[in-house]
Amino acid sequence: MATTTERQPATAAPAPAEREPRRSSRTGPVLLTTLTWILGIGFFFPVLWMILTAFKTEGDAQSSPPTFVFTPTFEQFRTVFDAGIGPYLANSLGATVISTVLVLLLATPAAFALSMRPVEKTQDVLFFFISTKMLPVVAAIVPIYVVVNNVGLLDNIWTLIVLYTAMNLPIAVWMMRSFFLEVPSELLEAASMDGASLARTLREVVLPIISPGIFATALICVIFSWNEFFFAVNLTSANAGTMPTFLVQFVTSQGLYFAQLSAAATLAALPVILAGWVAQNKLVQGLSFGAVK
């Protein structure tokens, strides 16, 4: 009996087998987090290298193997400002801001009507909107150039504003419609019972609810307009050139000026990065509100 009693604790041996699943469950999130950081650093490294190159001399920027230890200099930024970046920056800001405002003013009532007051051909209308994005821009540049030239708006900032508005309007309608669909219909019924007009319901009830979605849509329109190159390089020259066309100046027949080009690209990307940083909370809320559905 004594022997049997002493051997009973040995039956509790399976404990290590129970701990193994816990270790594996902890290892999974750690590996996923590590992989996410590696991917994030990998995607950000070209941007970091561009910023570092902007503070190098041309000799250090074009050295092989690459120079990792160098003395920072602002010479390239002075060269970029001396090259006349001001008008290009003003044109990009004007075209981007005005076209984004126009897109929001046009897309908001259209998306509201297609979501809250759908008709029989709503899906056809939505498909028509998005089908305009399927046409390659290079296939439409010749007729656009002819029309713009005939009306005397070649090398004019308002030409880019109209084109950027038309370019971003379809995707804005699709995004904002998904936001409007998230608004409970009971709120609209309550506002209607209180005697609110349709315009007042949209202004005071619906828009405050979907404000994160509006910020997300606006930020995407800003990025698309700011980075647009094809229309700008073909329809503008000296008076209405934008930041993407300004960067082309540093690609010459003598070769690439890597340090100067990196400095100019850093300055060109800075406004969009700041806009994204300021609106990051609204962007996350907007994308989770229904834009990715």
Protein backbone atom coordinates (compact mmCIF):
# COMPACT_ATOMS: atom_id res chain seq x y z
CA MET A 1 0.00 0.00 0.00
CA ALA A 2 2.81 2.35 0.85
CA THR A 3 4.46 1.68 -2.47
CA THR A 4 1.26 2.40 -4.38
CA THR A 5 0.74 5.65 -2.50
CA GLU A 6 4.23 6.90 -3.31
CA ARG A 7 3.84 6.22 -7.04
CA GLN A 8 0.54 8.07 -7.42
CA PRO A 9 2.07 11.55 -8.03
CA ALA A 10 3.77 10.15 -11.16
CA THR A 11 0.36 10.07 -12.87
CA ALA A 12 0.44 13.90 -13.11
CA ALA A 13 3.14 13.80 -15.82
CA PRO A 14 1.08 15.15 -18.81
CA ALA A 15 1.58 18.75 -17.57
CA PRO A 16 4.39 19.58 -20.06
CA ALA A 17 2.18 18.49 -22.97
CA GLU A 18 -0.44 21.03 -21.86
CA ARG A 19 2.07 23.89 -21.89
CA GLU A 20 3.19 23.39 -25.49
CA PRO A 21 0.02 24.80 -27.12
CA ARG A 22 0.34 27.89 -24.93
CA ARG A 23 3.88 28.48 -26.13
CA SER A 24 2.86 28.08 -29.76
CA SER A 25 -0.08 30.44 -29.27
CA ARG A 26 2.31 33.07 -27.92
CA THR A 27 4.85 32.51 -30.67
CA GLY A 28 2.35 33.18 -33.46
CA PRO A 29 1.63 36.85 -32.61
CA VAL A 30 5.33 37.52 -32.00
CA LEU A 31 6.27 36.15 -35.43
CA LEU A 32 3.44 38.07 -37.07
CA THR A 33 4.52 41.30 -35.39
CA THR A 34 8.14 40.73 -36.39
CA LEU A 35 7.16 40.01 -39.98
CA THR A 36 4.98 43.15 -40.05
CA TRP A 37 7.88 45.29 -38.83
CA ILE A 38 10.21 43.77 -41.43
CA LEU A 39 7.72 44.47 -44.22
CA GLY A 40 7.08 47.98 -42.94
CA ILE A 41 10.78 48.78 -42.80
CA GLY A 42 11.25 47.25 -46.25
CA PHE A 43 8.55 49.46 -47.76
CA PHE A 44 9.80 52.56 -45.94
CA PHE A 45 13.50 52.03 -46.69
CA PRO A 46 13.39 53.59 -50.23
CA VAL A 47 11.80 56.71 -48.74
CA LEU A 48 14.40 56.81 -45.99
CA TRP A 49 17.20 56.39 -48.53
CA MET A 50 15.76 59.23 -50.62
CA ILE A 51 15.74 61.52 -47.58
CA LEU A 52 19.31 60.57 -46.65
CA THR A 53 20.48 61.12 -50.23
CA ALA A 54 18.97 64.62 -50.18
CA PHE A 55 21.52 65.58 -47.51
CA LYS A 56 24.52 64.21 -49.44
CA THR A 57 26.79 65.79 -51.99
CA GLU A 58 26.53 64.58 -55.57
CA GLY A 59 29.78 62.66 -55.15
CA ASP A 60 28.50 60.78 -52.11
CA ALA A 61 25.11 60.19 -53.74
CA GLN A 62 26.64 58.54 -56.82
CA SER A 63 29.41 56.62 -55.09
CA SER A 64 29.64 52.86 -55.47
CA PRO A 65 29.41 51.16 -53.06
CA PRO A 66 26.88 53.51 -51.41
CA THR A 67 28.12 55.91 -48.74
CA PHE A 68 26.44 55.35 -45.39
CA VAL A 69 28.63 57.69 -43.31
CA PHE A 70 28.69 61.26 -44.62
CA THR A 71 28.56 64.88 -43.52
CA PRO A 72 25.03 66.26 -43.99
CA THR A 73 24.66 69.34 -46.18
CA PHE A 74 21.77 71.60 -47.23
CA GLU A 75 23.42 72.43 -50.54
CA GLN A 76 20.93 70.38 -52.57
CA PHE A 77 17.93 72.07 -50.97
CA ARG A 78 19.40 75.49 -51.74
CA THR A 79 19.86 74.40 -55.35
CA VAL A 80 16.23 73.25 -55.52
CA PHE A 81 14.94 76.57 -54.17
CA ASP A 82 17.20 78.48 -56.56
CA ALA A 83 15.71 76.47 -59.43
CA GLY A 84 12.33 78.12 -58.76
CA ILE A 85 10.25 75.59 -56.88
CA GLY A 86 7.78 78.24 -55.64
CA PRO A 87 5.46 78.56 -58.69
CA TYR A 88 5.32 74.78 -59.16
CA LEU A 89 4.45 74.28 -55.51
CA ALA A 90 1.74 76.96 -55.68
CA ASN A 91 0.25 75.39 -58.82
CA SER A 92 0.14 71.95 -57.22
CA LEU A 93 -1.45 73.32 -54.06
CA GLY A 94 -4.05 75.29 -56.01
CA ALA A 95 -4.99 72.47 -58.37
CA THR A 96 -5.10 69.89 -55.57
CA VAL A 97 -7.12 71.92 -53.05
CA ILE A 98 -9.65 73.37 -55.51
CA SER A 99 -10.23 70.07 -57.33
CA THR A 100 -10.66 68.21 -54.03
CA VAL A 101 -13.25 70.73 -52.83
CA LEU A 102 -15.13 70.45 -56.13
CA VAL A 103 -15.05 66.65 -55.92
CA LEU A 104 -16.54 66.68 -52.43
CA LEU A 105 -19.23 69.19 -53.41
CA LEU A 106 -20.27 67.07 -56.40
CA ALA A 107 -19.80 63.60 -54.91
CA THR A 108 -21.70 64.23 -51.67
CA PRO A 109 -25.19 64.80 -53.15
CA ALA A 110 -24.62 62.16 -55.81
CA ALA A 111 -23.57 59.51 -53.29
CA PHE A 112 -26.41 60.53 -50.94
CA ALA A 113 -28.96 60.12 -53.71
CA LEU A 114 -27.57 56.76 -54.82
CA SER A 115 -27.54 55.37 -51.28
CA MET A 116 -30.55 56.88 -49.52
CA ARG A 117 -32.82 57.34 -52.52
CA PRO A 118 -31.86 54.51 -54.90
CA VAL A 119 -33.66 54.06 -58.19
CA GLU A 120 -34.09 51.08 -60.48
CA LYS A 121 -30.91 51.79 -62.46
CA THR A 122 -28.66 52.61 -59.49
CA GLN A 123 -26.21 49.81 -60.25
CA ASP A 124 -26.00 50.92 -63.87
CA VAL A 125 -25.22 54.46 -62.78
CA LEU A 126 -22.52 53.25 -60.42
CA PHE A 127 -21.00 51.10 -63.14
CA PHE A 128 -21.03 54.08 -65.51
CA PHE A 129 -19.15 56.16 -62.94
CA ILE A 130 -16.45 53.58 -62.36
CA SER A 131 -16.20 52.68 -66.07
CA THR A 132 -14.75 56.13 -66.74
CA LYS A 133 -11.68 55.01 -64.76
CA MET A 134 -11.14 52.07 -67.11
CA LEU A 135 -10.18 54.27 -70.07
CA PRO A 136 -6.39 54.60 -70.34
CA VAL A 137 -5.37 58.23 -70.01
CA VAL A 138 -2.94 57.91 -72.89
CA ALA A 139 -5.85 57.03 -75.20
CA ALA A 140 -7.69 60.23 -74.32
CA ILE A 141 -4.82 62.71 -74.21
CA VAL A 142 -4.96 63.62 -77.93
CA PRO A 143 -8.65 64.70 -78.03
CA ILE A 144 -8.23 66.41 -74.66
CA TYR A 145 -5.20 68.29 -75.98
CA VAL A 146 -7.10 69.38 -79.11
CA VAL A 147 -10.10 70.62 -77.11
CA VAL A 148 -7.97 72.43 -74.55
CA ASN A 149 -5.91 74.05 -77.28
CA ASN A 150 -9.00 75.21 -79.19
CA VAL A 151 -10.57 76.86 -76.14
CA GLY A 152 -7.31 78.60 -75.27
CA LEU A 153 -6.71 76.87 -71.93
CA LEU A 154 -3.42 75.19 -72.74
CA ASP A 155 -0.86 75.70 -69.98
CA ASN A 156 -3.61 76.91 -67.64
CA ILE A 157 -4.10 75.77 -64.07
CA TRP A 158 -7.90 75.60 -64.51
CA THR A 159 -7.44 72.87 -67.10
CA LEU A 160 -5.77 70.69 -64.51
CA ILE A 161 -8.45 71.54 -61.94
CA VAL A 162 -11.22 70.36 -64.28
CA LEU A 163 -9.33 67.21 -65.25
CA TYR A 164 -8.41 66.34 -61.66
CA THR A 165 -12.04 66.81 -60.61
CA ALA A 166 -13.24 64.49 -63.36
CA MET A 167 -10.47 62.02 -62.55
CA ASN A 168 -11.31 61.73 -58.84
CA LEU A 169 -15.10 62.08 -58.96
CA PRO A 170 -15.97 58.41 -59.76
CA ILE A 171 -13.91 56.91 -56.95
CA ALA A 172 -15.21 59.59 -54.55
CA VAL A 173 -18.83 58.72 -55.37
CA TRP A 174 -18.17 55.02 -54.78
CA MET A 175 -16.40 55.63 -51.49
CA MET A 176 -18.90 58.11 -50.09
CA ARG A 177 -21.84 55.93 -51.10
CA SER A 178 -20.44 53.15 -48.91
CA PHE A 179 -20.24 55.63 -46.03
CA PHE A 180 -23.82 56.79 -46.54
CA LEU A 181 -25.03 53.18 -46.50
CA GLU A 182 -23.67 52.87 -42.94
CA VAL A 183 -26.02 55.60 -41.66
CA PRO A 184 -29.05 54.04 -39.88
CA SER A 185 -32.29 54.70 -41.73
CA GLU A 186 -33.99 55.37 -38.38
CA LEU A 187 -32.07 58.65 -38.11
CA LEU A 188 -33.45 59.82 -41.44
CA GLU A 189 -36.96 58.82 -40.44
CA ALA A 190 -36.63 60.65 -37.11
CA ALA A 191 -35.38 63.79 -38.84
CA SER A 192 -38.23 63.61 -41.34
CA MET A 193 -40.79 63.25 -38.56
CA ASP A 194 -39.31 66.32 -36.84
CA GLY A 195 -39.96 68.32 -39.99
CA ALA A 196 -36.37 68.63 -41.22
CA SER A 197 -35.94 69.14 -44.94
CA LEU A 198 -33.76 66.86 -47.01
CA ALA A 199 -31.00 69.44 -47.23
CA ARG A 200 -31.08 70.06 -43.48
CA THR A 201 -31.04 66.32 -42.78
CA LEU A 202 -28.00 65.92 -44.97
CA ARG A 203 -26.22 68.92 -43.44
CA GLU A 204 -27.01 68.47 -39.74
CA VAL A 205 -27.60 64.73 -39.34
CA VAL A 206 -25.81 62.72 -42.00
CA LEU A 207 -22.63 64.69 -42.69
CA PRO A 208 -21.48 64.84 -39.04
CA ILE A 209 -21.82 61.06 -38.84
CA ILE A 210 -19.83 60.33 -42.00
CA SER A 211 -17.21 63.06 -41.44
CA PRO A 212 -14.41 60.44 -41.04
CA GLY A 213 -15.35 59.05 -44.44
CA ILE A 214 -15.27 62.52 -45.96
CA PHE A 215 -11.75 63.04 -44.60
CA ALA A 216 -10.65 59.68 -46.01
CA THR A 217 -12.11 60.50 -49.43
CA ALA A 218 -10.54 63.95 -49.42
CA LEU A 219 -7.11 62.57 -48.52
CA ILE A 220 -7.22 60.03 -51.35
CA CYS A 221 -8.25 62.75 -53.82
CA VAL A 222 -5.38 64.93 -52.56
CA ILE A 223 -2.85 62.13 -53.09
CA PHE A 224 -4.12 61.33 -56.60
CA SER A 225 -4.15 64.99 -57.65
CA TRP A 226 -0.78 65.85 -56.13
CA ASN A 227 0.98 62.90 -57.76
CA GLU A 228 -0.66 63.21 -61.20
CA PHE A 229 1.99 63.55 -63.88
CA PHE A 230 0.63 62.62 -67.32
CA PHE A 231 -1.86 65.49 -67.72
CA ALA A 232 0.55 68.00 -66.19
CA VAL A 233 3.50 67.12 -68.41
CA ASN A 234 1.43 67.14 -71.62
CA LEU A 235 -0.89 70.11 -71.02
CA THR A 236 1.36 72.54 -69.15
CA SER A 237 4.79 74.06 -69.58
CA ALA A 238 5.99 77.20 -67.80
CA ASN A 239 2.89 78.84 -66.35
CA ALA A 240 0.92 75.92 -64.89
CA GLY A 241 3.60 73.32 -64.20
CA THR A 242 3.16 71.22 -61.05
CA MET A 243 5.59 69.51 -58.70
CA PRO A 244 5.85 66.25 -60.72
CA THR A 245 6.89 68.26 -63.79
CA PHE A 246 9.38 70.21 -61.68
CA LEU A 247 11.15 66.97 -60.78
CA VAL A 248 11.78 66.26 -64.47
CA GLN A 249 14.16 69.22 -64.61
CA PHE A 250 16.75 67.22 -62.69
CA VAL A 251 16.81 64.48 -65.34
CA THR A 252 19.11 65.92 -68.00
CA SER A 253 21.06 64.63 -70.97
CA GLN A 254 24.18 64.86 -68.82
CA GLY A 255 22.77 62.31 -66.41
CA LEU A 256 20.81 62.12 -63.20
CA TYR A 257 21.57 64.47 -60.32
CA PHE A 258 20.64 62.02 -57.59
CA ALA A 259 21.17 64.33 -54.63
CA GLN A 260 19.27 67.24 -56.16
CA LEU A 261 16.49 64.97 -57.38
CA SER A 262 16.19 63.42 -53.93
CA ALA A 263 15.99 66.86 -52.32
CA ALA A 264 13.30 67.97 -54.75
CA ALA A 265 11.37 64.72 -54.29
CA THR A 266 11.57 65.09 -50.50
CA LEU A 267 10.10 68.59 -50.70
CA ALA A 268 7.44 67.36 -53.14
CA ALA A 269 6.38 64.52 -50.86
CA LEU A 270 6.41 66.57 -47.67
CA PRO A 271 2.95 68.23 -48.07
CA VAL A 272 1.21 64.91 -48.71
CA ILE A 273 3.03 63.26 -45.80
CA LEU A 274 1.98 66.10 -43.50
CA ALA A 275 -1.61 65.90 -44.72
CA GLY A 276 -1.68 62.16 -44.08
CA TRP A 277 -0.13 62.60 -40.65
CA VAL A 278 -2.66 65.26 -39.64
CA ALA A 279 -5.64 63.25 -40.92
CA GLN A 280 -4.43 59.79 -39.90
CA ASN A 281 -7.04 59.35 -37.17
CA LYS A 282 -9.87 60.40 -39.47
CA LEU A 283 -8.45 58.18 -42.22
CA VAL A 284 -8.46 55.09 -40.02
CA GLN A 285 -11.98 55.85 -38.82
CA GLY A 286 -13.15 56.45 -42.36
CA LEU A 287 -11.69 53.24 -43.76
CA SER A 288 -13.17 51.20 -40.91
CA PHE A 289 -16.50 53.01 -41.33
CA GLY A 290 -17.25 51.18 -44.55
CA ALA A 291 -14.95 52.32 -47.34
CA VAL A 292 -13.30 48.92 -47.60
CA LYS A 293 -16.56 47.02 -47.93
